[in-house]
């Protein structure tokens, strides 16, 4: 019992340590600021809120869930990393709009889509997605040139974030069951709890984050791919690698270099010379595969590129940097044809 107590205490101290792990000797903000401007402008700009602060599908279809506001968080992170106050302020509107819809219990208002009312499982998962990306962006802002500019607003958000995280923690068992076959969701969940813990200094969230990390890591196969409903999937593999790399930047005890290297090797082997990300062996994102909000899923080139750029920035891997440039170009051309 004494050893277990000491282990838990040391884990808490490490997880709440400051400053965060500096991948490649840099903070996440510094890494973002050093990434190719053309690429990052395009990726960040895709999540630009409208004047009312709505993002993506929330903007096009009307309010569905706070989860869909997360697209603006990369814009906030990149703007803050560059010291671009105008861009960061524009992105912040998405946060104000989301929290205007927070319920007293801690979760957020849910709308319907195509006549379907969202389930409790949808709400749990959506809240985890939103907290994951929101808290990551706020950690980036805190280590950016705009830290002082946003300090009061971040401090004012902390009780609201804590409320959302505790509402989510109360549904941990249900969230874990619902996300058990999707490692990327487990890593989103881990980020939501772990990064909320870092922001609010709430130690009770630490072991929850660790359980989700452990569950996700168990799903990596020997060949490096994460099991996605019975096989590998190039689009979701990139999401897994992206979330793991970001987790490791802020959680100093998360030693996953080998996990990421093995997973990145599998991913790079499936990025064609043209920059196309092959879906030939995918179990989820492929022609005739899964749908989301009424549309067939396609490769998320933005997250593929970002995962590659982080890996290149932290390891100096030139192959990853070259693949990121090719995939960005291919994805941009593909979007123009649609």
C-alpha atoms as a PDB file:
ATOM      1  CA  UNK A   1       0.000   0.000   0.000  1.00  0.00           C
ATOM      2  CA  UNK A   2       2.836   2.388   0.922  1.00  0.00           C
ATOM      3  CA  UNK A   3       4.590   1.759  -2.420  1.00  0.00           C
ATOM      4  CA  UNK A   4       1.337   2.354  -4.302  1.00  0.00           C
ATOM      5  CA  UNK A   5       0.791   5.631  -2.439  1.00  0.00           C
ATOM      6  CA  UNK A   6       4.308   6.820  -3.206  1.00  0.00           C
ATOM      7  CA  UNK A   7       3.886   5.892  -6.857  1.00  0.00           C
ATOM      8  CA  UNK A   8       0.621   7.819  -7.113  1.00  0.00           C
ATOM      9  CA  UNK A   9       2.133  10.865  -5.420  1.00  0.00           C
ATOM     10  CA  UNK A  10       5.159  10.875  -7.703  1.00  0.00           C
ATOM     11  CA  UNK A  11       2.890  10.506 -10.722  1.00  0.00           C
ATOM     12  CA  UNK A  12       0.851  13.514  -9.677  1.00  0.00           C
ATOM     13  CA  UNK A  13       3.945  15.623  -9.116  1.00  0.00           C
ATOM     14  CA  UNK A  14       5.383  14.731 -12.505  1.00  0.00           C
ATOM     15  CA  UNK A  15       2.109  15.302 -14.349  1.00  0.00           C
ATOM     16  CA  UNK A  16       1.638  18.700 -12.752  1.00  0.00           C
ATOM     17  CA  UNK A  17       5.273  19.684 -13.236  1.00  0.00           C
ATOM     18  CA  UNK A  18       6.207  22.942 -14.943  1.00  0.00           C
ATOM     19  CA  UNK A  19       7.565  23.737 -17.444  1.00  0.00           C
ATOM     20  CA  UNK A  20       6.257  21.089 -19.877  1.00  0.00           C
ATOM     21  CA  UNK A  21       8.424  18.619 -21.739  1.00  0.00           C
ATOM     22  CA  UNK A  22      10.294  20.370 -24.509  1.00  0.00           C
ATOM     23  CA  UNK A  23      10.308  18.117 -27.552  1.00  0.00           C
ATOM     24  CA  UNK A  24      13.437  18.774 -29.563  1.00  0.00           C
ATOM     25  CA  UNK A  25      14.379  21.425 -26.986  1.00  0.00           C
ATOM     26  CA  UNK A  26      11.308  23.542 -27.808  1.00  0.00           C
ATOM     27  CA  UNK A  27       7.879  24.172 -26.348  1.00  0.00           C
ATOM     28  CA  UNK A  28       4.837  23.338 -28.420  1.00  0.00           C
ATOM     29  CA  UNK A  29       4.352  27.058 -29.092  1.00  0.00           C
ATOM     30  CA  UNK A  30       7.889  27.353 -30.413  1.00  0.00           C
ATOM     31  CA  UNK A  31       7.401  24.308 -32.605  1.00  0.00           C
ATOM     32  CA  UNK A  32       4.201  25.734 -34.083  1.00  0.00           C
ATOM     33  CA  UNK A  33       5.836  29.095 -34.729  1.00  0.00           C
ATOM     34  CA  UNK A  34       8.623  27.367 -36.677  1.00  0.00           C
ATOM     35  CA  UNK A  35       6.390  25.289 -38.956  1.00  0.00           C
ATOM     36  CA  UNK A  36       5.996  26.278 -42.657  1.00  0.00           C
ATOM     37  CA  UNK A  37       3.801  29.385 -42.766  1.00  0.00           C
ATOM     38  CA  UNK A  38       1.889  28.478 -45.943  1.00  0.00           C
ATOM     39  CA  UNK A  39       0.916  25.101 -44.534  1.00  0.00           C
ATOM     40  CA  UNK A  40      -0.017  26.361 -41.090  1.00  0.00           C
ATOM     41  CA  UNK A  41      -2.028  29.296 -42.460  1.00  0.00           C
ATOM     42  CA  UNK A  42      -4.117  26.839 -44.481  1.00  0.00           C
ATOM     43  CA  UNK A  43      -4.581  24.343 -41.643  1.00  0.00           C
ATOM     44  CA  UNK A  44      -5.408  26.981 -39.044  1.00  0.00           C
ATOM     45  CA  UNK A  45      -7.629  28.975 -41.377  1.00  0.00           C
ATOM     46  CA  UNK A  46      -9.920  26.019 -41.990  1.00  0.00           C
ATOM     47  CA  UNK A  47     -11.235  26.400 -38.428  1.00  0.00           C
ATOM     48  CA  UNK A  48     -11.947  30.127 -38.563  1.00  0.00           C
ATOM     49  CA  UNK A  49     -15.143  31.027 -36.641  1.00  0.00           C
ATOM     50  CA  UNK A  50     -17.838  33.221 -38.123  1.00  0.00           C
ATOM     51  CA  UNK A  51     -18.814  36.524 -36.489  1.00  0.00           C
ATOM     52  CA  UNK A  52     -21.047  34.715 -34.010  1.00  0.00           C
ATOM     53  CA  UNK A  53     -18.209  32.388 -33.034  1.00  0.00           C
ATOM     54  CA  UNK A  54     -19.577  29.246 -34.685  1.00  0.00           C
ATOM     55  CA  UNK A  55     -17.165  26.825 -36.343  1.00  0.00           C
ATOM     56  CA  UNK A  56     -17.429  24.159 -39.039  1.00  0.00           C
ATOM     57  CA  UNK A  57     -20.624  22.131 -38.992  1.00  0.00           C
ATOM     58  CA  UNK A  58     -22.009  24.272 -36.162  1.00  0.00           C
ATOM     59  CA  UNK A  59     -21.695  27.229 -38.523  1.00  0.00           C
ATOM     60  CA  UNK A  60     -23.246  25.448 -41.509  1.00  0.00           C
ATOM     61  CA  UNK A  61     -26.014  23.504 -39.791  1.00  0.00           C
ATOM     62  CA  UNK A  62     -26.713  25.399 -36.561  1.00  0.00           C
ATOM     63  CA  UNK A  63     -25.490  24.493 -33.098  1.00  0.00           C
ATOM     64  CA  UNK A  64     -24.872  20.743 -32.673  1.00  0.00           C
ATOM     65  CA  UNK A  65     -22.228  20.437 -29.951  1.00  0.00           C
ATOM     66  CA  UNK A  66     -19.186  22.144 -28.436  1.00  0.00           C
ATOM     67  CA  UNK A  67     -17.073  19.338 -29.930  1.00  0.00           C
ATOM     68  CA  UNK A  68     -17.417  20.951 -33.342  1.00  0.00           C
ATOM     69  CA  UNK A  69     -15.938  24.216 -32.041  1.00  0.00           C
ATOM     70  CA  UNK A  70     -12.568  22.532 -31.666  1.00  0.00           C
ATOM     71  CA  UNK A  71     -11.510  23.385 -35.221  1.00  0.00           C
ATOM     72  CA  UNK A  72     -10.737  26.945 -34.104  1.00  0.00           C
ATOM     73  CA  UNK A  73      -8.260  25.807 -31.471  1.00  0.00           C
ATOM     74  CA  UNK A  74      -5.440  25.300 -33.965  1.00  0.00           C
ATOM     75  CA  UNK A  75      -6.033  28.855 -35.186  1.00  0.00           C
ATOM     76  CA  UNK A  76      -5.765  30.072 -31.592  1.00  0.00           C
ATOM     77  CA  UNK A  77      -2.598  28.030 -30.985  1.00  0.00           C
ATOM     78  CA  UNK A  78      -0.858  29.175 -34.168  1.00  0.00           C
ATOM     79  CA  UNK A  79      -1.890  32.801 -33.665  1.00  0.00           C
ATOM     80  CA  UNK A  80      -0.640  32.795 -30.088  1.00  0.00           C
ATOM     81  CA  UNK A  81       2.586  31.002 -31.015  1.00  0.00           C
ATOM     82  CA  UNK A  82       3.348  33.707 -33.574  1.00  0.00           C
ATOM     83  CA  UNK A  83       2.271  36.537 -31.286  1.00  0.00           C
ATOM     84  CA  UNK A  84      -0.515  37.376 -33.751  1.00  0.00           C
ATOM     85  CA  UNK A  85      -3.049  39.011 -31.446  1.00  0.00           C
ATOM     86  CA  UNK A  86      -5.624  39.607 -34.183  1.00  0.00           C
ATOM     87  CA  UNK A  87      -5.779  35.947 -35.274  1.00  0.00           C
ATOM     88  CA  UNK A  88      -5.834  34.695 -31.690  1.00  0.00           C
ATOM     89  CA  UNK A  89      -8.661  37.077 -30.749  1.00  0.00           C
ATOM     90  CA  UNK A  90     -10.658  35.955 -33.761  1.00  0.00           C
ATOM     91  CA  UNK A  91     -10.244  32.305 -32.769  1.00  0.00           C
ATOM     92  CA  UNK A  92     -11.150  33.040 -29.134  1.00  0.00           C
ATOM     93  CA  UNK A  93     -14.706  33.836 -30.235  1.00  0.00           C
ATOM     94  CA  UNK A  94     -15.248  30.075 -30.618  1.00  0.00           C
ATOM     95  CA  UNK A  95     -14.490  29.604 -26.901  1.00  0.00           C
ATOM     96  CA  UNK A  96     -16.898  32.316 -25.764  1.00  0.00           C
ATOM     97  CA  UNK A  97     -19.632  30.864 -27.970  1.00  0.00           C
ATOM     98  CA  UNK A  98     -19.110  27.358 -26.617  1.00  0.00           C
ATOM     99  CA  UNK A  99     -19.129  28.355 -22.956  1.00  0.00           C
ATOM    100  CA  UNK A 100     -22.249  30.465 -23.457  1.00  0.00           C
ATOM    101  CA  UNK A 101     -23.896  27.049 -23.961  1.00  0.00           C
ATOM    102  CA  UNK A 102     -22.405  25.311 -20.911  1.00  0.00           C
ATOM    103  CA  UNK A 103     -24.975  23.777 -18.589  1.00  0.00           C
ATOM    104  CA  UNK A 104     -24.871  24.060 -14.793  1.00  0.00           C
ATOM    105  CA  UNK A 105     -23.898  20.366 -14.631  1.00  0.00           C
ATOM    106  CA  UNK A 106     -20.718  21.114 -16.624  1.00  0.00           C
ATOM    107  CA  UNK A 107     -21.547  19.671 -20.038  1.00  0.00           C
ATOM    108  CA  UNK A 108     -22.829  21.621 -23.040  1.00  0.00           C
ATOM    109  CA  UNK A 109     -26.098  22.072 -24.877  1.00  0.00           C
ATOM    110  CA  UNK A 110     -26.664  19.551 -27.671  1.00  0.00           C
ATOM    111  CA  UNK A 111     -28.571  20.136 -30.883  1.00  0.00           C
ATOM    112  CA  UNK A 112     -29.934  17.602 -33.332  1.00  0.00           C
ATOM    113  CA  UNK A 113     -28.586  16.778 -36.768  1.00  0.00           C
ATOM    114  CA  UNK A 114     -30.668  15.396 -39.613  1.00  0.00           C
ATOM    115  CA  UNK A 115     -33.455  14.695 -37.152  1.00  0.00           C
ATOM    116  CA  UNK A 116     -31.334  12.644 -34.747  1.00  0.00           C
ATOM    117  CA  UNK A 117     -31.153  13.629 -31.098  1.00  0.00           C
ATOM    118  CA  UNK A 118     -27.722  13.080 -29.604  1.00  0.00           C
ATOM    119  CA  UNK A 119     -27.286  10.339 -27.024  1.00  0.00           C
ATOM    120  CA  UNK A 120     -25.535  10.596 -23.673  1.00  0.00           C
ATOM    121  CA  UNK A 121     -22.605   8.746 -25.243  1.00  0.00           C
ATOM    122  CA  UNK A 122     -22.424  11.403 -27.972  1.00  0.00           C
ATOM    123  CA  UNK A 123     -22.422  14.074 -25.277  1.00  0.00           C
ATOM    124  CA  UNK A 124     -19.656  12.402 -23.270  1.00  0.00           C
ATOM    125  CA  UNK A 125     -17.443  11.865 -26.282  1.00  0.00           C
ATOM    126  CA  UNK A 126     -18.143  15.330 -27.676  1.00  0.00           C
ATOM    127  CA  UNK A 127     -17.302  17.005 -24.374  1.00  0.00           C
ATOM    128  CA  UNK A 128     -14.035  15.046 -24.248  1.00  0.00           C
ATOM    129  CA  UNK A 129     -13.168  16.161 -27.782  1.00  0.00           C
ATOM    130  CA  UNK A 130     -13.840  19.796 -26.915  1.00  0.00           C
ATOM    131  CA  UNK A 131     -11.933  19.750 -23.625  1.00  0.00           C
ATOM    132  CA  UNK A 132      -9.011  17.978 -25.277  1.00  0.00           C
ATOM    133  CA  UNK A 133      -8.461  20.605 -27.951  1.00  0.00           C
ATOM    134  CA  UNK A 134      -9.472  23.584 -25.815  1.00  0.00           C
ATOM    135  CA  UNK A 135      -7.071  22.708 -22.999  1.00  0.00           C
ATOM    136  CA  UNK A 136      -4.241  22.015 -25.429  1.00  0.00           C
ATOM    137  CA  UNK A 137      -4.722  25.445 -27.023  1.00  0.00           C
ATOM    138  CA  UNK A 138      -4.771  27.151 -23.628  1.00  0.00           C
ATOM    139  CA  UNK A 139      -1.520  25.427 -22.651  1.00  0.00           C
ATOM    140  CA  UNK A 140       0.024  26.702 -25.881  1.00  0.00           C
ATOM    141  CA  UNK A 141      -1.233  30.231 -25.174  1.00  0.00           C
ATOM    142  CA  UNK A 142       0.322  30.080 -21.703  1.00  0.00           C
ATOM    143  CA  UNK A 143       3.767  29.391 -23.190  1.00  0.00           C
ATOM    144  CA  UNK A 144       3.358  31.904 -26.044  1.00  0.00           C
ATOM    145  CA  UNK A 145       4.128  35.632 -26.466  1.00  0.00           C
ATOM    146  CA  UNK A 146       0.418  36.293 -25.771  1.00  0.00           C
ATOM    147  CA  UNK A 147       0.376  34.634 -22.336  1.00  0.00           C
ATOM    148  CA  UNK A 148      -0.094  37.901 -20.451  1.00  0.00           C
ATOM    149  CA  UNK A 149      -2.703  39.173 -22.899  1.00  0.00           C
ATOM    150  CA  UNK A 150      -4.975  36.170 -22.287  1.00  0.00           C
ATOM    151  CA  UNK A 151      -4.117  35.465 -18.641  1.00  0.00           C
ATOM    152  CA  UNK A 152      -7.274  36.909 -17.085  1.00  0.00           C
ATOM    153  CA  UNK A 153      -9.525  35.163 -19.598  1.00  0.00           C
ATOM    154  CA  UNK A 154      -7.831  31.807 -19.074  1.00  0.00           C
ATOM    155  CA  UNK A 155      -8.064  32.199 -15.291  1.00  0.00           C
ATOM    156  CA  UNK A 156     -11.782  32.956 -15.622  1.00  0.00           C
ATOM    157  CA  UNK A 157     -12.282  29.772 -17.658  1.00  0.00           C
ATOM    158  CA  UNK A 158     -10.628  27.446 -15.164  1.00  0.00           C
ATOM    159  CA  UNK A 159     -13.684  26.847 -12.941  1.00  0.00           C
ATOM    160  CA  UNK A 160     -15.756  26.136 -16.054  1.00  0.00           C
ATOM    161  CA  UNK A 161     -13.151  23.715 -17.371  1.00  0.00           C
ATOM    162  CA  UNK A 162     -13.004  21.999 -13.982  1.00  0.00           C
ATOM    163  CA  UNK A 163     -16.786  21.671 -13.956  1.00  0.00           C
ATOM    164  CA  UNK A 164     -16.776  20.116 -17.445  1.00  0.00           C
ATOM    165  CA  UNK A 165     -13.925  17.752 -16.537  1.00  0.00           C
ATOM    166  CA  UNK A 166     -15.702  16.533 -13.403  1.00  0.00           C
ATOM    167  CA  UNK A 167     -18.954  16.004 -15.280  1.00  0.00           C
ATOM    168  CA  UNK A 168     -16.941  13.944 -17.764  1.00  0.00           C
ATOM    169  CA  UNK A 169     -15.106  12.034 -15.036  1.00  0.00           C
ATOM    170  CA  UNK A 170     -18.427  10.993 -13.514  1.00  0.00           C
ATOM    171  CA  UNK A 171     -19.145   9.227 -16.802  1.00  0.00           C
ATOM    172  CA  UNK A 172     -15.690   7.654 -17.137  1.00  0.00           C
ATOM    173  CA  UNK A 173     -16.930   4.057 -17.254  1.00  0.00           C
ATOM    174  CA  UNK A 174     -19.460   4.800 -19.979  1.00  0.00           C
ATOM    175  CA  UNK A 175     -16.970   6.923 -21.924  1.00  0.00           C
ATOM    176  CA  UNK A 176     -14.354   4.165 -21.729  1.00  0.00           C
ATOM    177  CA  UNK A 177     -16.814   1.532 -22.961  1.00  0.00           C
ATOM    178  CA  UNK A 178     -17.959   3.697 -25.851  1.00  0.00           C
ATOM    179  CA  UNK A 179     -14.419   4.557 -26.953  1.00  0.00           C
ATOM    180  CA  UNK A 180     -12.820   1.165 -26.235  1.00  0.00           C
ATOM    181  CA  UNK A 181     -12.432   0.208 -29.910  1.00  0.00           C
ATOM    182  CA  UNK A 182     -11.124   3.568 -31.114  1.00  0.00           C
ATOM    183  CA  UNK A 183      -7.636   4.405 -29.827  1.00  0.00           C
ATOM    184  CA  UNK A 184      -7.773   7.955 -31.179  1.00  0.00           C
ATOM    185  CA  UNK A 185     -10.791   8.619 -28.959  1.00  0.00           C
ATOM    186  CA  UNK A 186      -8.957   7.177 -25.967  1.00  0.00           C
ATOM    187  CA  UNK A 187      -6.122   9.632 -26.584  1.00  0.00           C
ATOM    188  CA  UNK A 188      -8.594  12.514 -26.947  1.00  0.00           C
ATOM    189  CA  UNK A 189     -10.041  11.427 -23.582  1.00  0.00           C
ATOM    190  CA  UNK A 190      -6.568  11.242 -22.047  1.00  0.00           C
ATOM    191  CA  UNK A 191      -5.778  14.759 -23.246  1.00  0.00           C
ATOM    192  CA  UNK A 192      -9.059  16.111 -21.911  1.00  0.00           C
ATOM    193  CA  UNK A 193      -8.370  14.872 -18.381  1.00  0.00           C
ATOM    194  CA  UNK A 194      -4.596  15.288 -18.361  1.00  0.00           C
ATOM    195  CA  UNK A 195      -4.548  18.805 -19.765  1.00  0.00           C
ATOM    196  CA  UNK A 196      -7.484  19.917 -17.604  1.00  0.00           C
ATOM    197  CA  UNK A 197      -5.417  18.667 -14.653  1.00  0.00           C
ATOM    198  CA  UNK A 198      -2.441  20.734 -15.763  1.00  0.00           C
ATOM    199  CA  UNK A 199      -4.549  23.874 -16.158  1.00  0.00           C
ATOM    200  CA  UNK A 200      -6.606  23.583 -12.973  1.00  0.00           C
ATOM    201  CA  UNK A 201      -4.098  21.707 -10.766  1.00  0.00           C
ATOM    202  CA  UNK A 202      -6.835  19.199  -9.991  1.00  0.00           C
ATOM    203  CA  UNK A 203      -4.979  16.036  -8.983  1.00  0.00           C
ATOM    204  CA  UNK A 204      -8.118  13.877  -9.098  1.00  0.00           C
ATOM    205  CA  UNK A 205      -8.082  14.027 -12.914  1.00  0.00           C
ATOM    206  CA  UNK A 206      -4.558  12.614 -13.223  1.00  0.00           C
ATOM    207  CA  UNK A 207      -5.310   8.889 -12.751  1.00  0.00           C
ATOM    208  CA  UNK A 208      -8.268   9.140 -15.138  1.00  0.00           C
ATOM    209  CA  UNK A 209      -5.965  10.477 -17.847  1.00  0.00           C
ATOM    210  CA  UNK A 210      -3.451   7.715 -17.180  1.00  0.00           C
ATOM    211  CA  UNK A 211      -6.091   4.996 -17.540  1.00  0.00           C
ATOM    212  CA  UNK A 212      -7.098   6.277 -20.969  1.00  0.00           C
ATOM    213  CA  UNK A 213      -3.476   6.552 -22.106  1.00  0.00           C
ATOM    214  CA  UNK A 214      -2.776   2.985 -21.018  1.00  0.00           C
ATOM    215  CA  UNK A 215      -5.889   1.680 -22.778  1.00  0.00           C
ATOM    216  CA  UNK A 216      -4.912   3.413 -26.022  1.00  0.00           C
ATOM    217  CA  UNK A 217      -1.294   2.272 -25.970  1.00  0.00           C
ATOM    218  CA  UNK A 218      -2.399  -1.343 -25.592  1.00  0.00           C
ATOM    219  CA  UNK A 219      -4.028  -1.103 -29.001  1.00  0.00           C
ATOM    220  CA  UNK A 220      -0.805  -0.693 -30.984  1.00  0.00           C
ATOM    221  CA  UNK A 221       0.028  -3.802 -32.992  1.00  0.00           C
ATOM    222  CA  UNK A 222       3.493  -5.235 -33.546  1.00  0.00           C
ATOM    223  CA  UNK A 223       3.700  -3.677 -37.019  1.00  0.00           C
ATOM    224  CA  UNK A 224       3.199  -0.192 -35.524  1.00  0.00           C
ATOM    225  CA  UNK A 225      -0.409   0.347 -36.572  1.00  0.00           C
ATOM    226  CA  UNK A 226      -3.075   1.042 -33.988  1.00  0.00           C
ATOM    227  CA  UNK A 227      -5.952  -1.380 -34.206  1.00  0.00           C
ATOM    228  CA  UNK A 228      -8.950   0.394 -35.723  1.00  0.00           C
ATOM    229  CA  UNK A 229     -11.869  -2.012 -35.710  1.00  0.00           C
ATOM    230  CA  UNK A 230      -9.783  -4.995 -36.740  1.00  0.00           C
ATOM    231  CA  UNK A 231      -6.961  -3.464 -38.765  1.00  0.00           C
ATOM    232  CA  UNK A 232      -4.876  -0.409 -39.496  1.00  0.00           C
ATOM    233  CA  UNK A 233      -6.171   2.878 -40.873  1.00  0.00           C
ATOM    234  CA  UNK A 234      -3.890   5.563 -42.304  1.00  0.00           C
ATOM    235  CA  UNK A 235      -6.152   8.494 -41.429  1.00  0.00           C
ATOM    236  CA  UNK A 236      -6.791   7.460 -37.829  1.00  0.00           C
ATOM    237  CA  UNK A 237      -3.158   6.373 -37.433  1.00  0.00           C
ATOM    238  CA  UNK A 238      -2.139   9.984 -38.031  1.00  0.00           C
ATOM    239  CA  UNK A 239      -4.661  11.203 -35.449  1.00  0.00           C
ATOM    240  CA  UNK A 240      -3.284   8.718 -32.902  1.00  0.00           C
ATOM    241  CA  UNK A 241       0.284   9.838 -33.554  1.00  0.00           C
ATOM    242  CA  UNK A 242      -0.659  13.503 -33.405  1.00  0.00           C
ATOM    243  CA  UNK A 243      -2.454  13.172 -30.080  1.00  0.00           C
ATOM    244  CA  UNK A 244       0.323  11.043 -28.567  1.00  0.00           C
ATOM    245  CA  UNK A 245       3.011  13.527 -29.569  1.00  0.00           C
ATOM    246  CA  UNK A 246       1.077  16.413 -28.061  1.00  0.00           C
ATOM    247  CA  UNK A 247       0.444  14.435 -24.873  1.00  0.00           C
ATOM    248  CA  UNK A 248       4.170  13.767 -24.541  1.00  0.00           C
ATOM    249  CA  UNK A 249       5.002  17.469 -24.934  1.00  0.00           C
ATOM    250  CA  UNK A 250       3.118  18.321 -21.765  1.00  0.00           C
ATOM    251  CA  UNK A 251       3.296  15.119 -19.694  1.00  0.00           C
ATOM    252  CA  UNK A 252       6.986  14.638 -18.913  1.00  0.00           C
ATOM    253  CA  UNK A 253       6.638  11.054 -17.657  1.00  0.00           C
ATOM    254  CA  UNK A 254       4.996   9.761 -20.831  1.00  0.00           C
ATOM    255  CA  UNK A 255       7.846   7.854 -22.489  1.00  0.00           C
ATOM    256  CA  UNK A 256       6.442   6.911 -25.870  1.00  0.00           C
ATOM    257  CA  UNK A 257       9.300   7.618 -28.283  1.00  0.00           C
ATOM    258  CA  UNK A 258       9.399   4.012 -29.462  1.00  0.00           C
ATOM    259  CA  UNK A 259       5.618   3.829 -29.790  1.00  0.00           C
ATOM    260  CA  UNK A 260       5.529   6.949 -31.958  1.00  0.00           C
ATOM    261  CA  UNK A 261       8.567   5.940 -34.048  1.00  0.00           C
ATOM    262  CA  UNK A 262       7.072   2.523 -34.792  1.00  0.00           C
ATOM    263  CA  UNK A 263       3.714   4.054 -35.645  1.00  0.00           C
ATOM    264  CA  UNK A 264       5.254   6.740 -37.824  1.00  0.00           C
ATOM    265  CA  UNK A 265       7.209   4.162 -39.813  1.00  0.00           C
ATOM    266  CA  UNK A 266       3.955   2.345 -40.613  1.00  0.00           C
ATOM    267  CA  UNK A 267       2.307   5.622 -41.651  1.00  0.00           C
ATOM    268  CA  UNK A 268       5.191   6.860 -43.810  1.00  0.00           C
ATOM    269  CA  UNK A 269       5.241   3.610 -45.767  1.00  0.00           C
ATOM    270  CA  UNK A 270       1.661   4.366 -46.875  1.00  0.00           C
ATOM    271  CA  UNK A 271       2.176   7.933 -48.073  1.00  0.00           C
ATOM    272  CA  UNK A 272       2.713   7.687 -51.815  1.00  0.00           C
ATOM    273  CA  UNK A 273       5.289   9.720 -53.792  1.00  0.00           C
ATOM    274  CA  UNK A 274       2.394  11.871 -55.023  1.00  0.00           C
ATOM    275  CA  UNK A 275       1.500  12.769 -51.440  1.00  0.00           C
ATOM    276  CA  UNK A 276      -1.662  10.697 -51.486  1.00  0.00           C
ATOM    277  CA  UNK A 277      -2.314   8.816 -48.264  1.00  0.00           C
ATOM    278  CA  UNK A 278      -3.243   5.291 -49.274  1.00  0.00           C
ATOM    279  CA  UNK A 279      -6.543   3.891 -48.001  1.00  0.00           C
ATOM    280  CA  UNK A 280      -6.107   0.521 -49.731  1.00  0.00           C
ATOM    281  CA  UNK A 281      -5.923  -1.495 -46.504  1.00  0.00           C
ATOM    282  CA  UNK A 282      -7.944   0.813 -44.244  1.00  0.00           C
ATOM    283  CA  UNK A 283     -10.675  -0.546 -42.029  1.00  0.00           C
ATOM    284  CA  UNK A 284     -12.522   2.744 -41.458  1.00  0.00           C
ATOM    285  CA  UNK A 285     -11.648   5.582 -43.855  1.00  0.00           C
ATOM    286  CA  UNK A 286     -12.008   4.152 -47.362  1.00  0.00           C
ATOM    287  CA  UNK A 287     -14.463   4.161 -50.257  1.00  0.00           C
ATOM    288  CA  UNK A 288     -17.679   2.696 -48.861  1.00  0.00           C
ATOM    289  CA  UNK A 289     -16.354   3.021 -45.306  1.00  0.00           C
ATOM    290  CA  UNK A 290     -17.652   4.885 -42.285  1.00  0.00           C
ATOM    291  CA  UNK A 291     -19.774   8.030 -42.387  1.00  0.00           C
ATOM    292  CA  UNK A 292     -19.992  11.049 -40.075  1.00  0.00           C
ATOM    293  CA  UNK A 293     -22.894  13.499 -39.961  1.00  0.00           C
ATOM    294  CA  UNK A 294     -24.263  12.001 -43.151  1.00  0.00           C
ATOM    295  CA  UNK A 295     -21.039  12.120 -45.173  1.00  0.00           C
ATOM    296  CA  UNK A 296     -18.521   9.396 -45.992  1.00  0.00           C
ATOM    297  CA  UNK A 297     -15.294   9.902 -44.095  1.00  0.00           C
ATOM    298  CA  UNK A 298     -12.197  10.852 -46.062  1.00  0.00           C
ATOM    299  CA  UNK A 299      -8.540  11.077 -45.095  1.00  0.00           C
ATOM    300  CA  UNK A 300      -7.953  13.982 -42.728  1.00  0.00           C
ATOM    301  CA  UNK A 301      -4.982  15.431 -44.573  1.00  0.00           C
ATOM    302  CA  UNK A 302      -4.692  18.292 -42.100  1.00  0.00           C
ATOM    303  CA  UNK A 303      -4.030  15.992 -39.156  1.00  0.00           C
ATOM    304  CA  UNK A 304      -1.748  13.768 -41.255  1.00  0.00           C
ATOM    305  CA  UNK A 305       0.357  16.812 -42.127  1.00  0.00           C
ATOM    306  CA  UNK A 306       0.401  18.124 -38.566  1.00  0.00           C
ATOM    307  CA  UNK A 307       1.440  14.744 -37.140  1.00  0.00           C
ATOM    308  CA  UNK A 308       4.312  14.609 -39.642  1.00  0.00           C
ATOM    309  CA  UNK A 309       5.406  18.182 -38.927  1.00  0.00           C
ATOM    310  CA  UNK A 310       5.526  17.613 -35.168  1.00  0.00           C
ATOM    311  CA  UNK A 311       7.538  14.449 -35.684  1.00  0.00           C
ATOM    312  CA  UNK A 312       9.989  16.228 -37.961  1.00  0.00           C
ATOM    313  CA  UNK A 313      10.295  19.164 -35.541  1.00  0.00           C
ATOM    314  CA  UNK A 314      10.989  16.934 -32.552  1.00  0.00           C
ATOM    315  CA  UNK A 315      13.278  14.371 -34.188  1.00  0.00           C
ATOM    316  CA  UNK A 316      14.765  16.143 -37.213  1.00  0.00           C
ATOM    317  CA  UNK A 317      13.360  13.397 -39.460  1.00  0.00           C
ATOM    318  CA  UNK A 318      13.656  14.696 -43.038  1.00  0.00           C
ATOM    319  CA  UNK A 319      11.469  11.954 -44.498  1.00  0.00           C
ATOM    320  CA  UNK A 320       8.584  13.109 -42.321  1.00  0.00           C
ATOM    321  CA  UNK A 321       9.084  16.748 -43.363  1.00  0.00           C
ATOM    322  CA  UNK A 322       9.128  15.785 -47.051  1.00  0.00           C
ATOM    323  CA  UNK A 323       6.035  13.611 -46.630  1.00  0.00           C
ATOM    324  CA  UNK A 324       4.231  16.486 -44.890  1.00  0.00           C
ATOM    325  CA  UNK A 325       4.916  18.816 -47.815  1.00  0.00           C
ATOM    326  CA  UNK A 326       3.723  16.221 -50.345  1.00  0.00           C
ATOM    327  CA  UNK A 327       0.610  15.318 -48.371  1.00  0.00           C
ATOM    328  CA  UNK A 328      -0.294  18.980 -47.898  1.00  0.00           C
ATOM    329  CA  UNK A 329      -0.025  19.658 -51.620  1.00  0.00           C
ATOM    330  CA  UNK A 330      -2.051  16.556 -52.516  1.00  0.00           C
ATOM    331  CA  UNK A 331      -4.726  17.317 -49.922  1.00  0.00           C
ATOM    332  CA  UNK A 332      -5.056  20.917 -51.063  1.00  0.00           C
ATOM    333  CA  UNK A 333      -5.504  19.880 -54.694  1.00  0.00           C
ATOM    334  CA  UNK A 334      -8.017  17.235 -53.680  1.00  0.00           C
ATOM    335  CA  UNK A 335     -10.043  19.823 -51.757  1.00  0.00           C
ATOM    336  CA  UNK A 336     -10.078  22.161 -54.731  1.00  0.00           C
ATOM    337  CA  UNK A 337     -11.584  19.448 -56.940  1.00  0.00           C
ATOM    338  CA  UNK A 338     -14.439  18.724 -54.530  1.00  0.00           C
END
